[in-house]
C-alpha atoms as a PDB file:
ATOM      1  CA  MET A   1     -69.313 -18.651 -29.977  1.00  0.00           C
ATOM      2  CA  TYR A   2     -69.176 -15.420 -28.450  1.00  0.00           C
ATOM      3  CA  LEU A   3     -71.528 -12.493 -28.732  1.00  0.00           C
ATOM      4  CA  ARG A   4     -70.581  -9.473 -30.784  1.00  0.00           C
ATOM      5  CA  PHE A   5     -71.773  -6.343 -30.024  1.00  0.00           C
ATOM      6  CA  ARG A   6     -72.010  -2.344 -31.708  1.00  0.00           C
ATOM      7  CA  VAL A   7     -70.804  -0.176 -28.505  1.00  0.00           C
ATOM      8  CA  SER A   8     -71.251   3.431 -28.554  1.00  0.00           C
ATOM      9  CA  ARG A   9     -68.159   5.932 -28.559  1.00  0.00           C
ATOM     10  CA  GLU A  10     -69.039   7.057 -24.909  1.00  0.00           C
ATOM     11  CA  THR A  11     -68.971   3.328 -23.822  1.00  0.00           C
ATOM     12  CA  ALA A  12     -65.318   3.118 -25.534  1.00  0.00           C
ATOM     13  CA  ASN A  13     -64.601   6.376 -23.635  1.00  0.00           C
ATOM     14  CA  ASP A  14     -66.074   4.979 -20.408  1.00  0.00           C
ATOM     15  CA  PHE A  15     -63.375   2.082 -20.764  1.00  0.00           C
ATOM     16  CA  ILE A  16     -60.611   4.445 -21.406  1.00  0.00           C
ATOM     17  CA  ARG A  17     -61.036   6.648 -18.311  1.00  0.00           C
ATOM     18  CA  LEU A  18     -61.093   3.182 -16.279  1.00  0.00           C
ATOM     19  CA  PHE A  19     -58.407   0.912 -17.683  1.00  0.00           C
ATOM     20  CA  VAL A  20     -55.943   3.088 -19.958  1.00  0.00           C
ATOM     21  CA  ASN A  21     -53.120   4.667 -18.500  1.00  0.00           C
ATOM     22  CA  ARG A  22     -50.478   3.941 -21.332  1.00  0.00           C
ATOM     23  CA  LEU A  23     -51.555   4.473 -24.995  1.00  0.00           C
ATOM     24  CA  ALA A  24     -48.952   1.792 -26.207  1.00  0.00           C
ATOM     25  CA  TYR A  25     -51.444  -1.840 -26.431  1.00  0.00           C
ATOM     26  CA  GLY A  26     -50.565  -5.321 -27.628  1.00  0.00           C
ATOM     27  CA  MET A  27     -52.817  -7.365 -29.821  1.00  0.00           C
ATOM     28  CA  GLN A  28     -53.776 -10.660 -29.481  1.00  0.00           C
ATOM     29  CA  ALA A  29     -53.043 -13.033 -32.623  1.00  0.00           C
ATOM     30  CA  THR A  30     -56.256 -14.896 -34.066  1.00  0.00           C
ATOM     31  CA  LYS A  31     -54.965 -18.293 -34.640  1.00  0.00           C
ATOM     32  CA  PRO A  32     -53.111 -20.255 -32.083  1.00  0.00           C
ATOM     33  CA  LEU A  33     -49.285 -21.141 -32.630  1.00  0.00           C
ATOM     34  CA  PRO A  34     -48.740 -25.149 -33.187  1.00  0.00           C
ATOM     35  CA  ASN A  35     -48.077 -25.324 -29.469  1.00  0.00           C
ATOM     36  CA  GLY A  36     -51.397 -24.242 -28.751  1.00  0.00           C
ATOM     37  CA  SER A  37     -50.584 -20.634 -27.040  1.00  0.00           C
ATOM     38  CA  VAL A  38     -52.132 -17.658 -28.493  1.00  0.00           C
ATOM     39  CA  PRO A  39     -49.657 -14.900 -27.936  1.00  0.00           C
ATOM     40  CA  TYR A  40     -49.937 -11.032 -27.641  1.00  0.00           C
ATOM     41  CA  TYR A  41     -48.178  -8.734 -30.029  1.00  0.00           C
ATOM     42  CA  LEU A  42     -47.100  -5.091 -29.308  1.00  0.00           C
ATOM     43  CA  ALA A  43     -49.180  -3.034 -31.747  1.00  0.00           C
ATOM     44  CA  ARG A  44     -46.967  -1.169 -34.123  1.00  0.00           C
ATOM     45  CA  ASP A  45     -47.481   0.688 -37.441  1.00  0.00           C
ATOM     46  CA  ARG A  46     -46.684  -1.056 -40.501  1.00  0.00           C
ATOM     47  CA  LEU A  47     -44.528   1.340 -42.263  1.00  0.00           C
ATOM     48  CA  THR A  48     -42.876   3.567 -39.220  1.00  0.00           C
ATOM     49  CA  LYS A  49     -42.652   0.373 -36.945  1.00  0.00           C
ATOM     50  CA  ALA A  50     -43.560   3.071 -34.007  1.00  0.00           C
ATOM     51  CA  PRO A  51     -46.051   1.582 -31.587  1.00  0.00           C
ATOM     52  CA  LYS A  52     -49.682   2.402 -32.403  1.00  0.00           C
ATOM     53  CA  LEU A  53     -51.400   4.140 -30.008  1.00  0.00           C
ATOM     54  CA  LEU A  54     -54.960   3.127 -28.230  1.00  0.00           C
ATOM     55  CA  ASP A  55     -57.687   5.166 -29.266  1.00  0.00           C
ATOM     56  CA  ALA A  56     -61.936   4.906 -28.666  1.00  0.00           C
ATOM     57  CA  ASP A  57     -61.915   3.138 -31.969  1.00  0.00           C
ATOM     58  CA  VAL A  58     -59.612   0.365 -30.909  1.00  0.00           C
ATOM     59  CA  VAL A  59     -61.347   0.063 -28.155  1.00  0.00           C
ATOM     60  CA  ARG A  60     -64.969  -0.372 -29.829  1.00  0.00           C
ATOM     61  CA  MET A  61     -63.614  -3.121 -32.036  1.00  0.00           C
ATOM     62  CA  HIS A  62     -62.150  -5.073 -28.515  1.00  0.00           C
ATOM     63  CA  LEU A  63     -65.273  -4.710 -27.048  1.00  0.00           C
ATOM     64  CA  ASN A  64     -67.072  -5.252 -30.131  1.00  0.00           C
ATOM     65  CA  GLY A  65     -65.156  -8.565 -30.479  1.00  0.00           C
ATOM     66  CA  ASP A  66     -63.312  -7.914 -33.396  1.00  0.00           C
ATOM     67  CA  ILE A  67     -59.798  -7.748 -32.054  1.00  0.00           C
ATOM     68  CA  THR A  68     -58.535  -8.440 -28.476  1.00  0.00           C
ATOM     69  CA  VAL A  69     -55.958  -5.945 -26.736  1.00  0.00           C
ATOM     70  CA  ASN A  70     -53.784  -6.137 -23.792  1.00  0.00           C
ATOM     71  CA  LEU A  71     -52.870  -3.374 -21.460  1.00  0.00           C
ATOM     72  CA  PHE A  72     -50.174  -1.880 -19.849  1.00  0.00           C
ATOM     73  CA  ALA A  73     -50.157  -0.746 -16.202  1.00  0.00           C
ATOM     74  CA  ILE A  74     -47.534   1.390 -15.784  1.00  0.00           C
ATOM     75  CA  ASN A  75     -47.262   5.010 -17.167  1.00  0.00           C
ATOM     76  CA  PRO A  76     -43.461   5.474 -17.271  1.00  0.00           C
ATOM     77  CA  GLU A  77     -43.739   9.191 -17.306  1.00  0.00           C
ATOM     78  CA  THR A  78     -45.290   9.281 -13.877  1.00  0.00           C
ATOM     79  CA  GLN A  79     -44.647   5.186 -12.516  1.00  0.00           C
ATOM     80  CA  CYS A  80     -48.356   5.530 -11.522  1.00  0.00           C
ATOM     81  CA  SER A  81     -51.176   2.909 -12.671  1.00  0.00           C
ATOM     82  CA  LYS A  82     -54.886   3.618 -12.657  1.00  0.00           C
ATOM     83  CA  TRP A  83     -55.820   0.039 -10.986  1.00  0.00           C
ATOM     84  CA  ILE A  84     -53.955  -3.168  -9.679  1.00  0.00           C
ATOM     85  CA  ALA A  85     -55.011  -6.656 -10.756  1.00  0.00           C
ATOM     86  CA  ILE A  86     -54.529  -9.801  -8.936  1.00  0.00           C
ATOM     87  CA  ASP A  87     -54.446 -12.715 -11.214  1.00  0.00           C
ATOM     88  CA  ALA A  88     -55.330 -16.289  -9.597  1.00  0.00           C
ATOM     89  CA  ASP A  89     -55.521 -19.379 -12.190  1.00  0.00           C
ATOM     90  CA  PHE A  90     -54.684 -22.508  -9.830  1.00  0.00           C
ATOM     91  CA  ASP A  91     -55.999 -25.135  -8.054  1.00  0.00           C
ATOM     92  CA  GLY A  92     -58.032 -23.461  -5.195  1.00  0.00           C
ATOM     93  CA  SER A  93     -57.398 -20.049  -6.631  1.00  0.00           C
ATOM     94  CA  MET A  94     -61.109 -19.089  -6.029  1.00  0.00           C
ATOM     95  CA  GLU A  95     -60.486 -19.441  -2.590  1.00  0.00           C
ATOM     96  CA  SER A  96     -57.680 -17.315  -2.269  1.00  0.00           C
ATOM     97  CA  LEU A  97     -59.393 -14.577  -4.515  1.00  0.00           C
ATOM     98  CA  ILE A  98     -62.553 -14.652  -1.985  1.00  0.00           C
ATOM     99  CA  GLU A  99     -60.149 -14.474   1.325  1.00  0.00           C
ATOM    100  CA  LEU A 100     -58.392 -11.236  -0.327  1.00  0.00           C
ATOM    101  CA  MET A 101     -61.670 -10.025  -1.146  1.00  0.00           C
ATOM    102  CA  GLN A 102     -62.927  -9.967   2.120  1.00  0.00           C
ATOM    103  CA  GLU A 103     -59.816  -8.759   3.656  1.00  0.00           C
ATOM    104  CA  LEU A 104     -59.920  -6.015   1.309  1.00  0.00           C
ATOM    105  CA  LYS A 105     -63.415  -4.931   2.296  1.00  0.00           C
ATOM    106  CA  GLN A 106     -62.479  -5.075   5.627  1.00  0.00           C
ATOM    107  CA  ASP A 107     -60.007  -2.391   4.778  1.00  0.00           C
ATOM    108  CA  GLY A 108     -62.290  -0.469   3.066  1.00  0.00           C
ATOM    109  CA  VAL A 109     -61.256  -1.190  -0.221  1.00  0.00           C
ATOM    110  CA  GLU A 110     -63.834  -2.123  -3.069  1.00  0.00           C
ATOM    111  CA  VAL A 111     -62.906  -4.779  -5.520  1.00  0.00           C
ATOM    112  CA  ALA A 112     -64.735  -6.238  -8.865  1.00  0.00           C
ATOM    113  CA  LEU A 113     -64.153  -9.826  -9.268  1.00  0.00           C
ATOM    114  CA  GLU A 114     -63.688 -10.781 -13.289  1.00  0.00           C
ATOM    115  CA  GLN A 115     -63.766 -14.400 -14.159  1.00  0.00           C
ATOM    116  CA  SER A 116     -61.363 -15.352 -16.612  1.00  0.00           C
ATOM    117  CA  ARG A 117     -60.075 -18.648 -18.393  1.00  0.00           C
ATOM    118  CA  ARG A 118     -59.076 -20.770 -15.329  1.00  0.00           C
ATOM    119  CA  GLY A 119     -59.881 -19.008 -12.312  1.00  0.00           C
ATOM    120  CA  GLY A 120     -60.228 -15.135 -11.457  1.00  0.00           C
ATOM    121  CA  HIS A 121     -58.851 -11.414 -11.796  1.00  0.00           C
ATOM    122  CA  LEU A 122     -59.445  -8.900  -8.678  1.00  0.00           C
ATOM    123  CA  TRP A 123     -59.364  -5.404  -9.938  1.00  0.00           C
ATOM    124  CA  ILE A 124     -58.878  -2.385  -7.870  1.00  0.00           C
ATOM    125  CA  PHE A 125     -59.323   1.140  -9.268  1.00  0.00           C
ATOM    126  CA  GLY A 126     -57.646   4.438  -8.250  1.00  0.00           C
ATOM    127  CA  ALA A 127     -59.671   7.424  -7.565  1.00  0.00           C
ATOM    128  CA  THR A 128     -56.244   8.831  -9.695  1.00  0.00           C
ATOM    129  CA  PRO A 129     -53.871   7.478 -10.923  1.00  0.00           C
ATOM    130  CA  LEU A 130     -51.390   5.717  -8.195  1.00  0.00           C
ATOM    131  CA  LEU A 131     -47.601   4.863  -7.681  1.00  0.00           C
ATOM    132  CA  ALA A 132     -47.027   1.297  -8.978  1.00  0.00           C
ATOM    133  CA  SER A 133     -44.585   1.012  -5.877  1.00  0.00           C
ATOM    134  CA  GLU A 134     -47.426   1.662  -3.073  1.00  0.00           C
ATOM    135  CA  LEU A 135     -50.093  -0.368  -4.811  1.00  0.00           C
ATOM    136  CA  ARG A 136     -47.755  -3.027  -4.926  1.00  0.00           C
ATOM    137  CA  ILE A 137     -46.704  -2.437  -1.231  1.00  0.00           C
ATOM    138  CA  TYR A 138     -50.303  -2.886  -0.220  1.00  0.00           C
ATOM    139  CA  ILE A 139     -51.177  -6.238  -2.218  1.00  0.00           C
ATOM    140  CA  TYR A 140     -47.919  -8.104  -1.352  1.00  0.00           C
ATOM    141  CA  ASN A 141     -48.196  -7.318   2.374  1.00  0.00           C
ATOM    142  CA  LEU A 142     -51.987  -8.521   2.237  1.00  0.00           C
ATOM    143  CA  ALA A 143     -50.718 -11.617   0.621  1.00  0.00           C
ATOM    144  CA  LEU A 144     -48.171 -12.622   3.027  1.00  0.00           C
ATOM    145  CA  ARG A 145     -50.613 -11.630   5.865  1.00  0.00           C
ATOM    146  CA  LEU A 146     -53.224 -13.920   4.758  1.00  0.00           C
ATOM    147  CA  GLY A 147     -51.065 -16.584   3.624  1.00  0.00           C
ATOM    148  CA  VAL A 148     -52.022 -16.279   0.114  1.00  0.00           C
ATOM    149  CA  PRO A 149     -49.608 -18.576  -2.575  1.00  0.00           C
ATOM    150  CA  VAL A 150     -47.761 -15.709  -4.587  1.00  0.00           C
ATOM    151  CA  LYS A 151     -46.005 -17.072  -7.768  1.00  0.00           C
ATOM    152  CA  CYS A 152     -42.352 -16.158  -7.492  1.00  0.00           C
ATOM    153  CA  GLY A 153     -38.785 -17.245  -6.396  1.00  0.00           C
ATOM    154  CA  GLY A 154     -40.017 -20.694  -7.757  1.00  0.00           C
ATOM    155  CA  VAL A 155     -43.358 -20.788  -6.184  1.00  0.00           C
ATOM    156  CA  LYS A 156     -45.412 -21.683  -9.491  1.00  0.00           C
ATOM    157  CA  ASP A 157     -48.933 -22.083  -8.141  1.00  0.00           C
ATOM    158  CA  GLY A 158     -49.953 -18.537  -6.592  1.00  0.00           C
ATOM    159  CA  ILE A 159     -51.283 -15.288  -7.568  1.00  0.00           C
ATOM    160  CA  GLU A 160     -50.264 -12.859 -10.250  1.00  0.00           C
ATOM    161  CA  VAL A 161     -49.932  -8.900  -9.599  1.00  0.00           C
ATOM    162  CA  PHE A 162     -50.055  -6.506 -11.816  1.00  0.00           C
ATOM    163  CA  PRO A 163     -48.549  -4.068 -12.536  1.00  0.00           C
ATOM    164  CA  ARG A 164     -45.479  -6.783 -12.062  1.00  0.00           C
ATOM    165  CA  HIS A 165     -42.568  -3.802 -11.220  1.00  0.00           C
ATOM    166  CA  ASP A 166     -42.265  -0.932  -9.229  1.00  0.00           C
ATOM    167  CA  ARG A 167     -41.076   1.461 -12.278  1.00  0.00           C
ATOM    168  CA  LEU A 168     -39.891   1.343 -15.973  1.00  0.00           C
ATOM    169  CA  GLU A 169     -37.216   2.992 -17.509  1.00  0.00           C
ATOM    170  CA  LYS A 170     -37.773   4.828 -20.761  1.00  0.00           C
ATOM    171  CA  GLY A 171     -38.768   2.330 -23.796  1.00  0.00           C
ATOM    172  CA  GLU A 172     -39.492  -0.142 -21.165  1.00  0.00           C
ATOM    173  CA  TYR A 173     -43.205  -1.802 -21.345  1.00  0.00           C
ATOM    174  CA  GLY A 174     -43.102  -4.255 -18.494  1.00  0.00           C
ATOM    175  CA  ASN A 175     -45.950  -6.834 -18.324  1.00  0.00           C
ATOM    176  CA  ALA A 176     -49.161  -6.805 -19.851  1.00  0.00           C
ATOM    177  CA  LEU A 177     -52.553  -7.984 -19.297  1.00  0.00           C
ATOM    178  CA  ARG A 178     -55.531  -8.884 -20.983  1.00  0.00           C
ATOM    179  CA  ALA A 179     -57.967  -6.093 -21.695  1.00  0.00           C
ATOM    180  CA  PRO A 180     -61.211  -6.644 -19.777  1.00  0.00           C
ATOM    181  CA  LEU A 181     -64.509  -7.236 -21.449  1.00  0.00           C
ATOM    182  CA  GLY A 182     -63.158  -8.666 -24.952  1.00  0.00           C
ATOM    183  CA  VAL A 183     -62.913 -12.250 -26.254  1.00  0.00           C
ATOM    184  CA  HIS A 184     -60.063 -14.597 -25.049  1.00  0.00           C
ATOM    185  CA  ARG A 185     -59.078 -15.950 -28.350  1.00  0.00           C
ATOM    186  CA  LYS A 186     -57.823 -19.203 -26.780  1.00  0.00           C
ATOM    187  CA  THR A 187     -61.590 -20.055 -25.779  1.00  0.00           C
ATOM    188  CA  ASN A 188     -63.562 -17.783 -28.170  1.00  0.00           C
ATOM    189  CA  LEU A 189     -65.459 -16.825 -24.889  1.00  0.00           C
ATOM    190  CA  ARG A 190     -65.647 -13.641 -22.921  1.00  0.00           C
ATOM    191  CA  TYR A 191     -65.484 -13.321 -19.352  1.00  0.00           C
ATOM    192  CA  TRP A 192     -67.332 -10.743 -17.421  1.00  0.00           C
ATOM    193  CA  PHE A 193     -67.466  -9.216 -14.083  1.00  0.00           C
ATOM    194  CA  ASP A 194     -69.820 -11.292 -11.350  1.00  0.00           C
ATOM    195  CA  GLU A 195     -72.343  -8.052 -10.193  1.00  0.00           C
ATOM    196  CA  ALA A 196     -73.462  -6.872 -13.859  1.00  0.00           C
ATOM    197  CA  ALA A 197     -75.607  -8.410 -16.830  1.00  0.00           C
ATOM    198  CA  PRO A 198     -73.173  -9.297 -19.240  1.00  0.00           C
ATOM    199  CA  THR A 199     -73.030  -6.298 -21.898  1.00  0.00           C
ATOM    200  CA  PRO A 200     -69.924  -4.024 -22.073  1.00  0.00           C
ATOM    201  CA  ALA A 201     -72.041  -0.944 -21.480  1.00  0.00           C
ATOM    202  CA  ALA A 202     -73.766  -2.692 -17.967  1.00  0.00           C
ATOM    203  CA  GLN A 203     -70.683  -3.773 -17.109  1.00  0.00           C
ATOM    204  CA  LEU A 204     -68.839  -0.419 -17.316  1.00  0.00           C
ATOM    205  CA  ALA A 205     -71.785   1.369 -15.562  1.00  0.00           C
ATOM    206  CA  TYR A 206     -70.951  -0.977 -12.711  1.00  0.00           C
ATOM    207  CA  LEU A 207     -67.495  -0.817 -13.092  1.00  0.00           C
ATOM    208  CA  ASN A 208     -67.750   3.547 -12.841  1.00  0.00           C
ATOM    209  CA  GLY A 209     -70.144   3.231  -9.623  1.00  0.00           C
ATOM    210  CA  LEU A 210     -67.573   1.331  -7.633  1.00  0.00           C
ATOM    211  CA  PRO A 211     -65.862   3.548  -4.816  1.00  0.00           C
ATOM    212  CA  LYS A 212     -62.319   3.939  -5.754  1.00  0.00           C
ATOM    213  CA  LEU A 213     -59.065   4.220  -3.723  1.00  0.00           C
ATOM    214  CA  THR A 214     -57.909   7.403  -3.023  1.00  0.00           C
ATOM    215  CA  GLU A 215     -54.102   8.359  -2.527  1.00  0.00           C
ATOM    216  CA  SER A 216     -54.246   9.244   0.868  1.00  0.00           C
ATOM    217  CA  ARG A 217     -55.866   6.408   1.651  1.00  0.00           C
ATOM    218  CA  LEU A 218     -53.395   3.800   0.280  1.00  0.00           C
ATOM    219  CA  LYS A 219     -50.543   5.873   1.869  1.00  0.00           C
ATOM    220  CA  THR A 220     -52.774   5.406   5.158  1.00  0.00           C
ATOM    221  CA  LEU A 221     -52.979   1.558   4.476  1.00  0.00           C
ATOM    222  CA  ILE A 222     -49.232   0.997   3.625  1.00  0.00           C
ATOM    223  CA  HIS A 223     -47.983   3.273   6.220  1.00  0.00           C
ATOM    224  CA  GLY A 224     -44.834   1.350   7.714  1.00  0.00           C
ATOM    225  CA  MET A 225     -44.637  -1.094   5.197  1.00  0.00           C
ATOM    226  CA  LYS A 226     -42.182  -1.954   2.727  1.00  0.00           C
ATOM    227  CA  PHE A 227     -41.981  -4.230   0.116  1.00  0.00           C
ATOM    228  CA  PRO A 228     -41.739  -8.110   1.707  1.00  0.00           C
ATOM    229  CA  GLU A 229     -38.329  -9.102   1.531  1.00  0.00           C
ATOM    230  CA  ALA A 230     -39.930 -12.989   0.965  1.00  0.00           C
ATOM    231  CA  TYR A 231     -40.994 -11.813  -2.732  1.00  0.00           C
ATOM    232  CA  GLN A 232     -38.164  -9.946  -3.357  1.00  0.00           C
ATOM    233  CA  PRO A 233     -36.765 -10.778  -7.035  1.00  0.00           C
ATOM    234  CA  VAL A 234     -33.758 -13.063  -7.232  1.00  0.00           C
ATOM    235  CA  VAL A 235     -30.819 -11.120  -9.105  1.00  0.00           C
ATOM    236  CA  ALA A 236     -29.386 -13.860 -11.311  1.00  0.00           C
ATOM    237  CA  ALA A 237     -25.684 -13.579 -12.035  1.00  0.00           C
ATOM    238  CA  PRO A 238     -25.026 -12.719 -15.519  1.00  0.00           C
ATOM    239  CA  TYR A 239     -24.370 -15.134 -17.983  1.00  0.00           C
ATOM    240  CA  ILE A 240     -20.553 -14.877 -19.311  1.00  0.00           C
ATOM    241  CA  PRO A 241     -20.110 -16.414 -23.130  1.00  0.00           C
ATOM    242  CA  ILE A 242     -17.020 -18.593 -22.600  1.00  0.00           C
ATOM    243  CA  GLU A 243     -14.322 -19.555 -25.153  1.00  0.00           C
ATOM    244  CA  SER A 244     -13.494 -23.298 -26.359  1.00  0.00           C
ATOM    245  CA  PRO A 245      -9.768 -24.680 -25.959  1.00  0.00           C
ATOM    246  CA  ALA A 246      -9.596 -24.206 -29.802  1.00  0.00           C
ATOM    247  CA  GLY A 247     -10.415 -20.532 -29.656  1.00  0.00           C
ATOM    248  CA  LYS A 248     -13.794 -21.004 -31.264  1.00  0.00           C
ATOM    249  CA  ARG A 249     -16.643 -18.625 -29.507  1.00  0.00           C
ATOM    250  CA  GLU A 250     -19.658 -19.774 -28.658  1.00  0.00           C
ATOM    251  CA  PHE A 251     -22.849 -18.845 -30.739  1.00  0.00           C
ATOM    252  CA  ARG A 252     -24.204 -15.323 -29.570  1.00  0.00           C
ATOM    253  CA  ILE A 253     -27.639 -14.666 -31.193  1.00  0.00           C
ATOM    254  CA  LEU A 254     -27.734 -11.265 -30.258  1.00  0.00           C
ATOM    255  CA  GLU A 255     -24.604 -10.858 -32.973  1.00  0.00           C
ATOM    256  CA  TYR A 256     -26.803 -11.677 -35.776  1.00  0.00           C
ATOM    257  CA  VAL A 257     -30.184  -9.791 -34.806  1.00  0.00           C
ATOM    258  CA  CYS A 258     -31.454  -6.331 -34.006  1.00  0.00           C
ATOM    259  CA  THR A 259     -33.604  -5.850 -31.339  1.00  0.00           C
ATOM    260  CA  THR A 260     -36.655  -3.859 -31.739  1.00  0.00           C
ATOM    261  CA  ARG A 261     -37.689  -3.429 -27.989  1.00  0.00           C
ATOM    262  CA  LYS A 262     -36.957  -5.194 -24.649  1.00  0.00           C
ATOM    263  CA  ASP A 263     -39.188  -6.003 -21.477  1.00  0.00           C
ATOM    264  CA  SER A 264     -38.355  -7.010 -18.011  1.00  0.00           C
ATOM    265  CA  ARG A 265     -37.299 -10.897 -19.203  1.00  0.00           C
ATOM    266  CA  ASN A 266     -36.662 -10.232 -22.947  1.00  0.00           C
ATOM    267  CA  TRP A 267     -35.028  -8.740 -25.789  1.00  0.00           C
ATOM    268  CA  TRP A 268     -37.564  -9.252 -29.035  1.00  0.00           C
ATOM    269  CA  ALA A 269     -36.341  -9.024 -32.240  1.00  0.00           C
ATOM    270  CA  ARG A 270     -37.293 -10.225 -35.962  1.00  0.00           C
ATOM    271  CA  CYS A 271     -37.112 -13.949 -36.579  1.00  0.00           C
ATOM    272  CA  PRO A 272     -34.478 -15.185 -38.988  1.00  0.00           C
ATOM    273  CA  SER A 273     -36.379 -17.910 -40.198  1.00  0.00           C
ATOM    274  CA  CYS A 274     -39.573 -16.028 -40.597  1.00  0.00           C
ATOM    275  CA  ALA A 275     -37.904 -13.607 -42.449  1.00  0.00           C
ATOM    276  CA  VAL A 276     -36.854 -15.902 -45.028  1.00  0.00           C
ATOM    277  CA  VAL A 277     -40.444 -16.818 -46.170  1.00  0.00           C
ATOM    278  CA  GLY A 278     -41.671 -12.997 -45.513  1.00  0.00           C
ATOM    279  CA  HIS A 279     -43.140 -13.165 -42.025  1.00  0.00           C
ATOM    280  CA  ASP A 280     -43.112 -11.636 -38.864  1.00  0.00           C
ATOM    281  CA  ARG A 281     -43.061  -7.831 -40.314  1.00  0.00           C
ATOM    282  CA  THR A 282     -43.624  -6.457 -36.725  1.00  0.00           C
ATOM    283  CA  GLY A 283     -40.078  -7.458 -36.133  1.00  0.00           C
ATOM    284  CA  ASP A 284     -40.276  -9.246 -32.759  1.00  0.00           C
ATOM    285  CA  ASN A 285     -41.363 -12.812 -33.301  1.00  0.00           C
ATOM    286  CA  LEU A 286     -38.183 -13.941 -31.695  1.00  0.00           C
ATOM    287  CA  SER A 287     -37.618 -13.492 -27.915  1.00  0.00           C
ATOM    288  CA  ILE A 288     -34.274 -13.609 -26.117  1.00  0.00           C
ATOM    289  CA  GLN A 289     -33.488 -13.885 -22.473  1.00  0.00           C
ATOM    290  CA  ILE A 290     -31.921 -10.806 -20.896  1.00  0.00           C
ATOM    291  CA  LYS A 291     -29.838 -12.471 -18.061  1.00  0.00           C
ATOM    292  CA  ASP A 292     -28.647 -15.423 -20.438  1.00  0.00           C
ATOM    293  CA  SER A 293     -29.087 -15.031 -24.378  1.00  0.00           C
ATOM    294  CA  ARG A 294     -28.444 -18.688 -24.875  1.00  0.00           C
ATOM    295  CA  PHE A 295     -32.282 -18.810 -24.703  1.00  0.00           C
ATOM    296  CA  TYR A 296     -34.374 -17.549 -27.452  1.00  0.00           C
ATOM    297  CA  LYS A 297     -37.421 -18.739 -28.866  1.00  0.00           C
ATOM    298  CA  CYS A 298     -39.818 -17.871 -32.100  1.00  0.00           C
ATOM    299  CA  TRP A 299     -43.325 -17.433 -30.897  1.00  0.00           C
ATOM    300  CA  ALA A 300     -44.532 -18.423 -34.479  1.00  0.00           C
ATOM    301  CA  GLY A 301     -42.736 -21.770 -33.856  1.00  0.00           C
ATOM    302  CA  CYS A 302     -39.511 -21.800 -35.529  1.00  0.00           C
ATOM    303  CA  THR A 303     -37.097 -24.308 -33.992  1.00  0.00           C
ATOM    304  CA  LYS A 304     -33.653 -23.582 -33.036  1.00  0.00           C
ATOM    305  CA  ASP A 305     -32.205 -25.554 -36.108  1.00  0.00           C
ATOM    306  CA  GLU A 306     -34.534 -23.517 -38.336  1.00  0.00           C
ATOM    307  CA  ILE A 307     -33.291 -20.119 -36.932  1.00  0.00           C
ATOM    308  CA  ARG A 308     -29.773 -20.849 -36.972  1.00  0.00           C
ATOM    309  CA  ALA A 309     -30.030 -22.344 -40.838  1.00  0.00           C
ATOM    310  CA  ALA A 310     -31.579 -19.139 -41.796  1.00  0.00           C
ATOM    311  CA  LEU A 311     -28.731 -17.280 -40.403  1.00  0.00           C
ATOM    312  CA  GLY A 312     -26.148 -19.501 -41.754  1.00  0.00           C
ATOM    313  CA  ARG A 313     -24.774 -21.066 -38.329  1.00  0.00           C
ATOM    314  CA  PRO A 314     -26.685 -24.614 -38.493  1.00  0.00           C
ATOM    315  CA  ILE A 315     -26.541 -26.321 -35.457  1.00  0.00           C
ATOM    316  CA  ARG A 316     -23.773 -28.964 -35.559  1.00  0.00           C
ATOM    317  CA  MET A 317     -24.760 -32.505 -33.836  1.00  0.00           C
ATOM    318  CA  LYS A 318     -23.441 -32.810 -30.519  1.00  0.00           C
ATOM    319  CA  GLN A 319     -23.208 -29.189 -29.930  1.00  0.00           C
ATOM    320  CA  ALA A 320     -25.223 -27.011 -28.049  1.00  0.00           C
ATOM    321  CA  ALA A 321     -27.300 -24.113 -29.325  1.00  0.00           C
END
């Protein structure tokens, strides 16, 4: 079982200064789903459904162990991030992280190594918020130079880099990362940074003391570089629904639900099956793939049969969903 703390508001504000670049945040569920995952949900006001704003009280609950939150890296008003994090959770991941650490130090860039459930995270902090696109150019070129595997384009075992986008449009959130120093609800453990005592105050004092990457230094490091062609995202052909010979249209889930938000991959909506039994108060249990809306999933565990039945459009035998 994890240790509980009673952190001060000052410690919470130290955390905010280091990690919080956008006030919207997600909360991790307290219990696993039937498939064993413990997902995050965008924190929303119960009445207005507007995204809640992260403040010192929320951070204190996270650090104390009462809740677990995740953080969005990019502020869409500036396209900047306070940090870049490298997530590695594959076989041999620690060797890759150590190789990256050594090369980063050769570049004069200080990093912090955080343990994780299956590997670790490397964190680099900016002296000021830095353009996400420039941070990504630097790390992806570094990985390419070292031959460190990157999870993309069909490669399943490799590092993931957060932020995962160069920029966001208004209303987009991008991918979030579990906020450090809190409790991972799947293991009920905390994962600490290596170079400090395992308390929130000591960890933040260590992180605050690290030299930070300046904008001028970053621009020097990436001078003449572009984002590597090898890691450019594959642009999928849009899915076009078809008509059957009898004139019947394919089932289209987006014609039956109202989306509440979107990220880089999915629309999110209230799950019809959850709604029947009074669940899904936040209205975002159902994810629908943007590039192909035939693929949708309820993160509370409802099956496609249950979703279709709740909509009055049950799946017929030998008929695709």
